[in-house]
Protein backbone atom coordinates (compact mmCIF):
# COMPACT_ATOMS: atom_id res chain seq x y z
CA MET A 1 -50.71 -4.51 37.47
CA ALA A 2 -48.00 -5.92 35.27
CA GLY A 3 -45.13 -8.32 35.45
CA SER A 4 -42.72 -10.33 33.36
CA ALA A 5 -41.99 -14.03 33.13
CA ARG A 6 -38.42 -14.52 31.99
CA GLY A 7 -37.79 -18.19 31.32
CA ARG A 8 -41.17 -19.33 32.55
CA THR A 9 -42.63 -20.16 29.18
CA GLY A 10 -39.64 -22.22 28.03
CA GLY A 11 -38.36 -22.67 24.51
CA SER A 12 -40.22 -23.56 21.39
CA GLY A 13 -40.31 -27.21 20.46
CA TYR A 14 -40.52 -26.31 16.77
CA GLY A 15 -36.97 -25.07 16.21
CA GLU A 16 -38.04 -21.47 15.61
CA ARG A 17 -40.31 -18.87 17.15
CA VAL A 18 -43.98 -19.75 16.67
CA PRO A 19 -46.00 -16.78 15.28
CA LEU A 20 -48.03 -16.07 18.42
CA VAL A 21 -48.01 -12.29 18.68
CA ALA A 22 -50.30 -11.66 21.66
CA ALA A 23 -53.03 -13.09 23.87
CA ALA A 24 -55.96 -11.70 25.81
CA VAL A 25 -57.99 -13.33 28.56
CA CYS A 26 -61.65 -12.41 29.10
CA PRO A 27 -64.55 -14.01 31.00
CA HIS A 28 -67.72 -15.27 29.34
CA PRO A 29 -70.76 -14.52 31.53
CA PRO A 30 -73.97 -14.22 29.49
CA LEU A 31 -74.77 -11.04 31.43
CA ILE A 32 -71.90 -9.25 29.72
CA VAL A 33 -74.26 -8.94 26.74
CA PRO A 34 -76.50 -5.95 27.58
CA GLU A 35 -79.56 -7.50 25.92
CA VAL A 36 -79.27 -10.45 28.31
CA ALA A 37 -78.68 -8.31 31.39
CA GLY A 38 -81.59 -6.00 30.64
CA ALA A 39 -82.15 -3.36 33.31
CA THR A 40 -79.06 -4.47 35.25
CA ALA A 41 -76.70 -4.08 32.27
CA GLY A 42 -74.96 -1.11 33.85
CA GLU A 43 -73.60 -3.29 36.66
CA LEU A 44 -71.05 -4.82 34.26
CA ASP A 45 -70.11 -1.68 32.32
CA GLU A 46 -66.62 -1.70 33.83
CA LEU A 47 -66.10 -5.32 32.84
CA ARG A 48 -67.26 -4.63 29.27
CA ALA A 49 -64.87 -1.69 29.06
CA ALA A 50 -61.98 -3.81 30.32
CA CYS A 51 -62.73 -6.53 27.77
CA ALA A 52 -62.99 -3.98 24.95
CA ALA A 53 -59.60 -2.55 25.94
CA ALA A 54 -58.04 -6.02 26.05
CA VAL A 55 -59.38 -6.87 22.59
CA ALA A 56 -58.11 -3.53 21.26
CA ARG A 57 -54.61 -4.29 22.55
CA LEU A 58 -54.83 -7.74 21.01
CA LEU A 59 -55.63 -6.25 17.62
CA ALA A 60 -52.92 -3.61 18.01
CA ALA A 61 -50.33 -6.41 18.01
CA GLY A 62 -50.97 -6.81 14.29
CA PRO A 63 -52.15 -10.41 13.99
CA ASP A 64 -53.25 -11.88 10.68
CA ALA A 65 -55.98 -13.92 12.40
CA ILE A 66 -57.62 -14.39 15.80
CA LEU A 67 -57.99 -17.80 17.43
CA LEU A 68 -60.64 -18.06 20.14
CA VAL A 69 -60.15 -20.69 22.85
CA GLY A 70 -62.77 -21.62 25.44
CA ALA A 71 -64.10 -24.57 27.39
CA GLY A 72 -66.76 -26.83 25.94
CA PRO A 73 -68.28 -30.26 26.44
CA GLU A 74 -65.61 -31.76 24.15
CA THR A 75 -62.35 -30.80 22.49
CA ARG A 76 -62.95 -29.74 18.90
CA SER A 77 -62.35 -27.00 16.36
CA PHE A 78 -65.05 -24.97 14.61
CA ARG A 79 -65.55 -23.57 11.13
CA SER A 80 -65.45 -19.83 10.61
CA ALA A 81 -69.13 -19.91 9.60
CA ASP A 82 -70.30 -21.65 12.78
CA HIS A 83 -72.29 -19.61 15.26
CA GLY A 84 -73.57 -19.59 18.80
CA SER A 85 -76.87 -18.64 20.38
CA LEU A 86 -78.07 -17.01 23.59
CA ARG A 87 -81.65 -18.21 23.29
CA ALA A 88 -81.23 -20.10 26.56
CA TYR A 89 -80.69 -16.72 28.22
CA GLY A 90 -83.70 -15.00 26.69
CA VAL A 91 -82.13 -13.36 23.63
CA ASP A 92 -83.25 -14.75 20.29
CA TRP A 93 -80.29 -14.04 18.06
CA ARG A 94 -77.27 -15.90 16.85
CA MET A 95 -73.65 -14.79 16.96
CA PRO A 96 -71.51 -15.90 14.00
CA LEU A 97 -67.88 -16.64 14.61
CA TRP A 98 -66.89 -14.80 11.44
CA ARG A 99 -68.60 -15.36 8.10
CA VAL A 100 -72.24 -16.28 7.61
CA ASN A 101 -73.01 -18.95 5.04
CA CYS A 102 -75.00 -22.14 4.71
CA ALA A 103 -72.02 -24.31 5.72
CA GLY A 104 -72.15 -23.05 9.29
CA GLY A 105 -74.15 -24.45 12.16
CA GLU A 106 -75.20 -23.54 15.69
CA ARG A 107 -72.28 -25.28 17.36
CA LEU A 108 -70.36 -22.78 19.49
CA PRO A 109 -70.42 -23.32 23.27
CA LEU A 110 -71.18 -20.36 25.52
CA SER A 111 -67.52 -19.44 25.99
CA LEU A 112 -66.88 -19.07 22.26
CA THR A 113 -70.25 -17.40 21.66
CA ILE A 114 -69.29 -14.62 24.07
CA GLY A 115 -65.83 -14.46 22.51
CA ALA A 116 -67.40 -13.97 19.08
CA TRP A 117 -69.59 -11.21 20.55
CA LEU A 118 -66.55 -9.45 22.03
CA LEU A 119 -64.74 -9.55 18.69
CA GLY A 120 -67.86 -8.42 16.87
CA ARG A 121 -68.01 -5.31 19.04
CA SER A 122 -64.47 -4.40 18.02
CA GLY A 123 -65.40 -4.07 14.36
CA THR A 124 -62.39 -6.07 13.21
CA GLU A 125 -62.57 -7.79 9.83
CA LEU A 126 -59.73 -10.19 10.62
CA PRO A 127 -60.29 -13.90 10.03
CA ARG A 128 -61.19 -15.72 13.20
CA PHE A 129 -61.23 -19.36 14.17
CA ALA A 130 -62.25 -21.15 17.33
CA HIS A 131 -61.23 -24.18 19.35
CA ALA A 132 -62.99 -25.66 22.36
CA ILE A 133 -61.05 -27.58 24.97
CA ALA A 134 -62.95 -30.17 27.01
CA ALA A 135 -63.68 -28.76 30.46
CA ASP A 136 -62.22 -31.90 32.06
CA ALA A 137 -59.08 -32.09 29.90
CA SER A 138 -55.90 -32.73 31.88
CA PRO A 139 -53.22 -30.03 32.19
CA GLN A 140 -51.01 -32.09 29.89
CA GLU A 141 -53.75 -32.31 27.26
CA CYS A 142 -54.36 -28.56 27.51
CA ALA A 143 -50.68 -27.71 27.17
CA ARG A 144 -50.35 -30.02 24.18
CA ALA A 145 -53.42 -28.47 22.55
CA GLY A 146 -51.99 -24.98 22.97
CA ALA A 147 -48.68 -26.00 21.42
CA GLU A 148 -50.42 -27.71 18.51
CA LEU A 149 -52.73 -24.79 17.83
CA VAL A 150 -49.99 -22.21 17.49
CA GLY A 151 -47.59 -24.69 15.93
CA ALA A 152 -49.99 -25.29 13.08
CA ALA A 153 -50.29 -21.57 12.31
CA ASP A 154 -48.54 -20.30 9.19
CA HIS A 155 -49.36 -16.66 9.91
CA ARG A 156 -49.28 -14.22 12.81
CA VAL A 157 -51.98 -15.29 15.23
CA ALA A 158 -53.38 -13.83 18.46
CA LEU A 159 -55.32 -15.78 21.06
CA LEU A 160 -58.54 -14.63 22.71
CA VAL A 161 -58.93 -16.97 25.69
CA LEU A 162 -62.32 -17.15 27.39
CA GLY A 163 -62.72 -18.37 30.96
CA ASP A 164 -64.28 -17.55 34.33
CA GLY A 165 -62.72 -18.02 37.75
CA SER A 166 -64.34 -19.65 40.76
CA ALA A 167 -68.11 -19.44 41.18
CA CYS A 168 -67.97 -19.83 44.96
CA ARG A 169 -67.32 -16.31 46.23
CA GLY A 170 -69.99 -15.79 48.86
CA THR A 171 -73.31 -17.25 49.91
CA LYS A 172 -75.11 -15.85 46.84
CA ALA A 173 -72.62 -17.37 44.41
CA PRO A 174 -73.80 -20.09 42.00
CA GLY A 175 -71.62 -22.62 43.85
CA TYR A 176 -72.30 -21.12 47.28
CA ASP A 177 -69.43 -19.99 49.50
CA ASP A 178 -66.18 -21.95 49.56
CA PRO A 179 -63.29 -20.66 51.71
CA ARG A 180 -60.77 -21.98 49.15
CA ALA A 181 -62.09 -19.77 46.36
CA GLN A 182 -60.34 -16.52 47.36
CA ALA A 183 -56.87 -18.06 47.40
CA TYR A 184 -57.53 -19.90 44.14
CA ASP A 185 -58.62 -16.73 42.36
CA ASP A 186 -55.76 -14.70 43.79
CA GLY A 187 -53.35 -17.30 42.43
CA VAL A 188 -54.91 -17.10 38.98
CA ALA A 189 -54.72 -13.30 39.08
CA ARG A 190 -51.00 -13.42 39.92
CA ALA A 191 -50.33 -15.95 37.17
CA LEU A 192 -52.13 -13.85 34.57
CA ALA A 193 -50.45 -10.64 35.71
CA ASP A 194 -47.00 -12.27 35.59
CA ALA A 195 -47.53 -14.28 32.38
CA ASP A 196 -46.62 -17.30 34.52
CA ALA A 197 -47.29 -20.37 32.39
CA ASP A 198 -45.99 -22.71 35.09
CA ALA A 199 -48.48 -21.40 37.63
CA LEU A 200 -51.40 -21.80 35.23
CA LEU A 201 -50.35 -25.34 34.34
CA GLY A 202 -50.16 -26.08 38.06
CA LEU A 203 -53.87 -25.39 38.62
CA ASP A 204 -55.46 -28.53 40.04
CA PRO A 205 -58.27 -29.85 37.81
CA VAL A 206 -60.12 -31.39 40.77
CA LEU A 207 -60.05 -28.23 42.89
CA SER A 208 -60.92 -26.13 39.85
CA ALA A 209 -63.98 -28.29 39.18
CA GLU A 210 -65.05 -28.15 42.81
CA LEU A 211 -64.84 -24.35 42.68
CA ARG A 212 -66.63 -24.34 39.30
CA ALA A 213 -63.78 -22.42 37.64
CA ALA A 214 -64.67 -22.67 33.94
CA GLY A 215 -61.41 -21.04 32.85
CA ARG A 216 -58.94 -23.65 34.09
CA ALA A 217 -58.61 -25.63 30.85
CA PRO A 218 -58.50 -22.62 28.47
CA TRP A 219 -55.90 -20.87 30.66
CA GLN A 220 -53.76 -23.99 30.48
CA VAL A 221 -54.10 -24.00 26.69
CA LEU A 222 -52.77 -20.43 26.77
CA ALA A 223 -49.85 -21.58 28.92
CA GLY A 224 -49.02 -24.34 26.46
CA ALA A 225 -49.21 -21.94 23.54
CA ALA A 226 -46.89 -19.42 25.21
CA ARG A 227 -44.40 -22.13 26.06
CA ALA A 228 -44.39 -23.40 22.50
CA ALA A 229 -43.95 -19.88 21.15
CA GLY A 230 -40.87 -19.49 23.32
CA GLY A 231 -39.21 -16.31 24.47
CA ASP A 232 -40.17 -14.11 27.39
CA TRP A 233 -43.73 -12.89 27.94
CA ARG A 234 -45.13 -9.91 29.79
CA GLY A 235 -48.57 -9.87 31.39
CA ALA A 236 -50.96 -7.15 32.53
CA LEU A 237 -54.08 -7.69 34.62
CA GLY A 238 -56.79 -5.20 33.77
CA TYR A 239 -59.72 -6.51 35.81
CA HIS A 240 -60.17 -8.88 38.75
CA ARG A 241 -63.48 -8.79 40.59
CA ALA A 242 -66.22 -11.18 41.60
CA PRO A 243 -69.66 -9.68 40.88
CA TYR A 244 -72.48 -12.10 41.54
CA GLY A 245 -70.03 -14.40 43.36
CA VAL A 246 -68.13 -15.39 40.18
CA SER A 247 -64.55 -14.27 39.69
CA TYR A 248 -63.78 -12.57 36.37
CA PHE A 249 -60.34 -11.75 34.99
CA VAL A 250 -59.27 -9.61 32.06
CA ALA A 251 -55.59 -9.78 31.10
CA ASP A 252 -53.18 -9.28 28.23
CA TRP A 253 -50.00 -11.17 27.37
CA GLU A 254 -47.41 -9.97 24.88
CA PRO A 255 -43.81 -10.84 24.03
CA ALA A 256 -41.43 -9.06 26.40
């Protein structure tokens, strides 16, 4: 599924086109890592393939660096040597964001840890940086963060945005069944497919929290970044399903 969003992202507030060349959206369930999933790893093979394809398209846009964006307990940026861990999920290894040296620390939240794993699978040697947005940040704060992140770039940058949809799709879901979840997720899917920044910025933080949608704040950072970059954007939705009662999206955005 694909669409375009003429005029939806608005103009750049920086007087010229910001060097955002592409964006990809992927979820961050720990089970996407086969070593975590164990014997059930095959159940998410299609999701892994969709994420790999999205990352490949991101790299094909020719960025000079990758910026990972995901939700965390607080808004902050990370050093390229920082790493994440999946020890809480039974796998005793660490995932570096980019380079390994003594200046790094185990600081990445789950969202960025999975993002680092996805990039690591691609084999890219591109520099990568990461920024966490507080899960409870307002839409205005998220949009401002997105604009500031790409506005500060002095090279061609691509965004890898990590975030899950609602966790209330059915009685076995982590948040149990909520009749509002289907419509919420369908709205997110349309917004990602259409590169509709306005729709993403319109997601209600309260409803999103009630539905345990971990992607709301990062998606709104993406919307702010696209608006700041200016021009028209085209979206493509490569995956939209809810295994285990949690909605996962994989999408790509590129200049139209």
